[in-house]
Amino acid sequence: MQKELLVTADAQTLAFEVDCHLFQGSCGFPAPSAWSFIFDPIFSIGPVEFNKPMLLAIIGTFAILALFWAGFSKPKVIPGKLQMIAEALYGFVHRGIAKEIIGKKGEPFVPLLVSLFFFVWMLNLWAIIPIAQFPVSSLIAYPVGLALLVWAVYMTVTFRSNGFVGGIRNLCVPSGLPKPIYVILTPIEFVSNIFVRPFTLAVRLFANMFAGHILILVFTIATWYMLGTVLGTVYATASFAVTLALTVFEMFIQALQAYVFTVLTATYLSQALEEAH
């Protein structure tokens, strides 16, 4: 009974610590659950609990700061390896996203876009780093926080660039359409720009990282669960191969989602800078 409770309570614990295998005993497959995304607090300060995802987010932040500080604190005409890496990473976002999407007006937003890209990428990347093995962005609070930050900047830039009336027109009144259409289109544009954009920005990142982590967990747990017999080991080998393939695929998805998040942010800022007609 105790083992069954443990199976339903914590799939991660079972995968590495509980002796339960296919064809051995009556315990079933410990599928991942919500418990795979819940962590005990490392310590608490009043009502605030500091847990593993928070620690990973902070370590990731300092890792990014350390990389760019080491690369740019003492720049040289002939750059060293760290400076070359930092310049290449910065240039990718600067030229490939800010200039490509926003243009010359995008220069003031380059620090924001660079920070977003590498922070989101780092949050995602923890999923495949040994010991950590958890994508922080698979917890909805982190994508929501980032999306709200982007939304706040988007609204600020819209109204600062166009004024109050111009900002409303920028958000709700597309130019060049027959006037009767605005009766239907204006409310749709309002809901889309004010509510749907931050919602989809957060959910897209969260859903991709959540799904990827669940898939890797399923096949990792299955690898352990099917060990113990000759036939089970054959199944476990196939499951382990799928785990490796999913991990490689997840590395691509992690970078892609950071890129998509940053590109959409740049797109919103580009539209915010457009003059209302």
Protein backbone atom coordinates (compact mmCIF):
# COMPACT_ATOMS: atom_id res chain seq x y z
CA MET A 1 0.00 0.00 0.00
CA GLN A 2 2.84 2.35 0.88
CA LYS A 3 4.53 1.69 -2.45
CA GLU A 4 1.30 2.36 -4.36
CA LEU A 5 0.93 5.72 -2.63
CA LEU A 6 4.49 6.56 -3.53
CA VAL A 7 3.85 5.65 -7.17
CA THR A 8 0.92 8.04 -7.44
CA ALA A 9 2.60 10.75 -5.39
CA ASP A 10 5.92 11.15 -7.15
CA ALA A 11 6.81 9.66 -10.55
CA GLN A 12 10.33 11.08 -10.39
CA THR A 13 11.04 9.31 -7.10
CA LEU A 14 9.81 5.98 -8.47
CA ALA A 15 11.89 6.26 -11.63
CA PHE A 16 15.17 6.34 -9.75
CA GLU A 17 14.58 5.01 -6.25
CA VAL A 18 11.76 2.45 -6.17
CA ASP A 19 12.40 -1.15 -7.23
CA CYS A 20 9.39 -1.61 -9.50
CA HIS A 21 9.77 -3.20 -12.95
CA LEU A 22 7.70 -4.70 -15.75
CA PHE A 23 7.06 -8.46 -15.38
CA GLN A 24 8.15 -8.23 -11.72
CA GLY A 25 5.49 -7.62 -9.10
CA SER A 26 2.06 -6.08 -9.45
CA CYS A 27 2.95 -2.39 -9.56
CA GLY A 28 1.82 -0.53 -12.68
CA PHE A 29 3.63 1.97 -14.86
CA PRO A 30 4.23 5.18 -12.85
CA ALA A 31 3.15 7.72 -15.45
CA PRO A 32 4.25 11.34 -14.88
CA SER A 33 1.71 13.56 -13.18
CA ALA A 34 1.39 17.05 -11.73
CA TRP A 35 3.73 15.87 -8.98
CA SER A 36 6.54 15.82 -11.53
CA PHE A 37 6.30 19.63 -11.60
CA ILE A 38 5.98 20.25 -7.86
CA PHE A 39 9.08 20.63 -5.71
CA ASP A 40 9.54 20.84 -1.97
CA PRO A 41 10.88 24.21 -0.82
CA ILE A 42 14.61 24.44 -0.21
CA PHE A 43 13.87 27.07 2.41
CA SER A 44 11.09 29.52 3.24
CA ILE A 45 11.03 33.21 4.12
CA GLY A 46 7.64 33.88 5.65
CA PRO A 47 5.00 32.85 3.09
CA VAL A 48 7.56 32.77 0.25
CA GLU A 49 8.96 29.33 -0.54
CA PHE A 50 12.25 29.11 -2.43
CA ASN A 51 12.37 25.93 -4.52
CA LYS A 52 14.44 24.25 -7.22
CA PRO A 53 12.97 26.12 -10.26
CA MET A 54 13.68 29.45 -8.55
CA LEU A 55 17.24 28.37 -7.88
CA LEU A 56 17.69 27.30 -11.50
CA ALA A 57 16.30 30.63 -12.75
CA ILE A 58 18.74 32.57 -10.55
CA ILE A 59 21.72 30.40 -11.52
CA GLY A 60 20.77 30.79 -15.19
CA THR A 61 20.58 34.57 -14.81
CA PHE A 62 24.03 34.75 -13.26
CA ALA A 63 25.43 32.38 -15.90
CA ILE A 64 24.21 34.69 -18.69
CA LEU A 65 25.53 37.78 -16.91
CA ALA A 66 28.89 36.09 -16.33
CA LEU A 67 29.22 35.12 -20.00
CA PHE A 68 28.55 38.61 -21.33
CA TRP A 69 30.56 40.30 -18.58
CA ALA A 70 33.56 38.09 -19.36
CA GLY A 71 33.13 38.80 -23.06
CA PHE A 72 32.61 42.58 -22.95
CA SER A 73 34.17 43.86 -19.71
CA LYS A 74 37.57 44.30 -21.37
CA PRO A 75 36.94 44.30 -25.13
CA LYS A 76 39.93 44.00 -27.44
CA VAL A 77 40.48 44.90 -31.08
CA ILE A 78 41.50 41.30 -31.68
CA PRO A 79 38.89 39.47 -29.61
CA GLY A 80 39.61 36.43 -27.51
CA LYS A 81 37.45 33.32 -27.52
CA LEU A 82 34.95 34.55 -24.92
CA GLN A 83 34.61 37.93 -26.61
CA MET A 84 34.06 36.25 -29.98
CA ILE A 85 31.35 34.02 -28.50
CA ALA A 86 29.66 36.93 -26.72
CA GLU A 87 29.81 39.11 -29.85
CA ALA A 88 28.38 36.33 -32.01
CA LEU A 89 25.50 35.70 -29.60
CA TYR A 90 24.74 39.40 -29.19
CA GLY A 91 25.02 39.98 -32.93
CA PHE A 92 22.59 37.17 -33.67
CA VAL A 93 19.81 38.93 -31.77
CA HIS A 94 20.93 42.44 -32.78
CA ARG A 95 21.13 41.84 -36.52
CA GLY A 96 18.88 38.82 -36.95
CA ILE A 97 15.94 40.00 -34.84
CA ALA A 98 16.09 43.68 -33.85
CA LYS A 99 17.35 45.12 -37.16
CA GLU A 100 15.55 42.57 -39.32
CA ILE A 101 12.13 43.12 -37.75
CA ILE A 102 12.15 46.60 -36.20
CA GLY A 103 14.81 48.33 -38.28
CA LYS A 104 16.79 51.37 -37.14
CA LYS A 105 14.20 52.19 -34.51
CA GLY A 106 14.97 48.88 -32.82
CA GLU A 107 18.36 49.93 -31.40
CA PRO A 108 16.99 51.02 -27.98
CA PHE A 109 15.30 47.63 -27.60
CA VAL A 110 18.33 45.46 -28.36
CA PRO A 111 19.27 44.98 -24.66
CA LEU A 112 15.70 43.87 -23.89
CA LEU A 113 15.58 41.45 -26.81
CA VAL A 114 19.03 40.00 -26.03
CA SER A 115 18.05 39.54 -22.37
CA LEU A 116 14.75 37.88 -23.28
CA PHE A 117 16.27 35.51 -25.81
CA PHE A 118 19.04 34.18 -23.59
CA PHE A 119 16.97 34.13 -20.41
CA VAL A 120 14.19 32.12 -22.06
CA TRP A 121 16.74 29.83 -23.72
CA MET A 122 18.47 29.25 -20.38
CA LEU A 123 15.18 28.48 -18.64
CA ASN A 124 14.45 25.91 -21.35
CA LEU A 125 17.97 24.51 -21.43
CA TRP A 126 17.85 23.31 -17.83
CA ALA A 127 15.72 20.38 -19.07
CA ILE A 128 18.75 18.59 -20.52
CA ILE A 129 21.43 19.67 -18.04
CA PRO A 130 22.37 16.80 -15.68
CA ILE A 131 21.19 17.09 -12.06
CA ALA A 132 18.88 20.01 -12.94
CA GLN A 133 16.87 18.15 -15.62
CA PHE A 134 13.86 20.43 -15.42
CA PRO A 135 12.74 23.20 -17.82
CA VAL A 136 11.83 26.14 -15.61
CA SER A 137 9.54 27.53 -18.32
CA SER A 138 7.34 24.42 -18.01
CA LEU A 139 5.89 26.13 -14.93
CA ILE A 140 3.27 28.57 -16.20
CA ALA A 141 4.25 31.35 -13.75
CA TYR A 142 7.55 32.04 -15.54
CA PRO A 143 6.14 32.40 -19.09
CA VAL A 144 3.29 34.50 -17.69
CA GLY A 145 5.73 36.80 -15.91
CA LEU A 146 7.79 37.27 -19.09
CA ALA A 147 4.67 37.79 -21.21
CA LEU A 148 3.40 40.46 -18.81
CA LEU A 149 6.77 42.22 -19.02
CA VAL A 150 6.58 42.20 -22.83
CA TRP A 151 2.95 43.40 -22.71
CA ALA A 152 3.87 46.29 -20.40
CA VAL A 153 6.71 47.39 -22.70
CA TYR A 154 4.45 46.98 -25.74
CA MET A 155 1.71 49.18 -24.24
CA THR A 156 4.22 51.78 -23.02
CA VAL A 157 5.90 52.08 -26.42
CA THR A 158 2.54 52.21 -28.22
CA PHE A 159 1.20 55.16 -26.23
CA ARG A 160 4.54 56.94 -25.88
CA SER A 161 5.08 56.84 -29.66
CA ASN A 162 1.54 57.71 -30.73
CA GLY A 163 -0.08 59.50 -27.81
CA PHE A 164 -3.29 58.29 -26.18
CA VAL A 165 -5.63 58.69 -29.15
CA GLY A 166 -3.02 57.53 -31.66
CA GLY A 167 -2.20 54.56 -29.43
CA ILE A 168 -5.83 53.48 -29.31
CA ARG A 169 -6.05 53.76 -33.10
CA ASN A 170 -2.79 51.82 -33.45
CA LEU A 171 -4.19 49.00 -31.32
CA CYS A 172 -7.78 48.91 -32.53
CA VAL A 173 -8.21 50.61 -35.91
CA PRO A 174 -6.28 49.13 -38.87
CA SER A 175 -5.95 51.60 -41.71
CA GLY A 176 -7.17 51.34 -45.30
CA LEU A 177 -10.38 49.36 -44.76
CA PRO A 178 -14.02 50.25 -45.57
CA LYS A 179 -15.61 52.04 -42.61
CA PRO A 180 -18.49 49.55 -42.02
CA ILE A 181 -15.92 46.79 -41.36
CA TYR A 182 -14.57 48.68 -38.33
CA VAL A 183 -17.78 47.93 -36.42
CA ILE A 184 -16.75 44.27 -36.34
CA LEU A 185 -12.98 44.57 -36.64
CA THR A 186 -12.27 47.15 -33.91
CA PRO A 187 -13.49 44.97 -30.99
CA ILE A 188 -11.62 41.98 -32.44
CA GLU A 189 -8.39 44.00 -32.74
CA PHE A 190 -8.84 45.32 -29.21
CA VAL A 191 -9.25 41.84 -27.70
CA SER A 192 -6.45 40.43 -29.86
CA ASN A 193 -3.86 43.10 -29.04
CA ILE A 194 -4.72 43.67 -25.40
CA PHE A 195 -5.57 40.16 -24.18
CA VAL A 196 -4.81 37.45 -26.74
CA ARG A 197 -1.22 38.46 -27.49
CA PRO A 198 0.18 38.14 -23.95
CA PHE A 199 -1.92 34.99 -23.39
CA THR A 200 -0.63 33.18 -26.49
CA LEU A 201 2.92 34.40 -25.87
CA ALA A 202 2.91 32.76 -22.44
CA VAL A 203 0.96 29.61 -23.34
CA ARG A 204 3.06 28.84 -26.44
CA LEU A 205 6.29 28.76 -24.43
CA PHE A 206 4.76 26.94 -21.47
CA ALA A 207 2.96 24.29 -23.54
CA ASN A 208 5.99 23.38 -25.63
CA MET A 209 8.29 23.02 -22.62
CA PHE A 210 5.65 21.21 -20.56
CA ALA A 211 4.94 18.71 -23.35
CA GLY A 212 8.62 18.13 -24.07
CA HIS A 213 9.40 17.44 -20.41
CA ILE A 214 6.45 15.04 -20.10
CA LEU A 215 7.61 13.07 -23.17
CA ILE A 216 11.18 12.77 -21.88
CA LEU A 217 9.87 11.75 -18.45
CA VAL A 218 7.61 9.07 -19.94
CA PHE A 219 10.40 7.35 -21.85
CA THR A 220 12.99 7.84 -19.08
CA ILE A 221 10.68 6.22 -16.53
CA ALA A 222 9.75 3.52 -19.05
CA THR A 223 13.43 2.68 -19.55
CA TRP A 224 13.84 2.04 -15.84
CA TYR A 225 10.47 0.35 -15.45
CA MET A 226 11.06 -2.23 -18.20
CA LEU A 227 14.47 -3.37 -16.96
CA GLY A 228 14.78 -6.62 -15.04
CA THR A 229 14.15 -9.38 -17.60
CA VAL A 230 15.65 -10.22 -20.98
CA LEU A 231 12.53 -9.18 -22.90
CA GLY A 232 12.09 -6.14 -20.67
CA THR A 233 15.67 -5.07 -21.32
CA VAL A 234 15.03 -5.17 -25.07
CA TYR A 235 12.05 -2.86 -24.55
CA ALA A 236 14.11 -0.68 -22.22
CA THR A 237 16.85 -0.32 -24.84
CA ALA A 238 14.32 0.89 -27.41
CA SER A 239 12.83 3.29 -24.86
CA PHE A 240 16.29 4.64 -24.02
CA ALA A 241 16.99 5.24 -27.73
CA VAL A 242 13.74 7.22 -27.97
CA THR A 243 14.76 9.20 -24.87
CA LEU A 244 18.04 10.18 -26.52
CA ALA A 245 16.27 11.14 -29.76
CA LEU A 246 13.72 13.22 -27.85
CA THR A 247 16.51 14.95 -25.92
CA VAL A 248 18.24 15.98 -29.15
CA PHE A 249 14.93 17.15 -30.58
CA GLU A 250 14.19 19.05 -27.36
CA MET A 251 17.49 20.93 -27.70
CA PHE A 252 16.22 22.27 -31.02
CA ILE A 253 12.79 23.13 -29.58
CA GLN A 254 14.37 24.96 -26.64
CA ALA A 255 16.32 27.31 -28.90
CA LEU A 256 13.39 27.66 -31.30
CA GLN A 257 10.96 28.69 -28.55
CA ALA A 258 13.41 31.30 -27.25
CA TYR A 259 13.72 32.61 -30.81
CA VAL A 260 9.95 32.65 -31.39
CA PHE A 261 9.33 34.44 -28.09
CA THR A 262 11.90 37.12 -28.96
CA VAL A 263 10.74 37.49 -32.59
CA LEU A 264 7.13 37.99 -31.48
CA THR A 265 8.27 40.57 -28.94
CA ALA A 266 10.16 42.43 -31.68
CA THR A 267 7.10 42.21 -33.94
CA TYR A 268 4.87 43.75 -31.28
CA LEU A 269 7.39 46.55 -30.70
CA SER A 270 7.64 47.19 -34.44
CA GLN A 271 3.86 47.56 -34.63
CA ALA A 272 3.86 49.79 -31.56
CA LEU A 273 6.28 52.18 -33.28
CA GLU A 274 4.13 52.46 -36.39
CA GLU A 275 2.26 55.72 -36.76
CA ALA A 276 -1.49 55.42 -36.47
CA HIS A 277 -3.37 56.48 -39.63
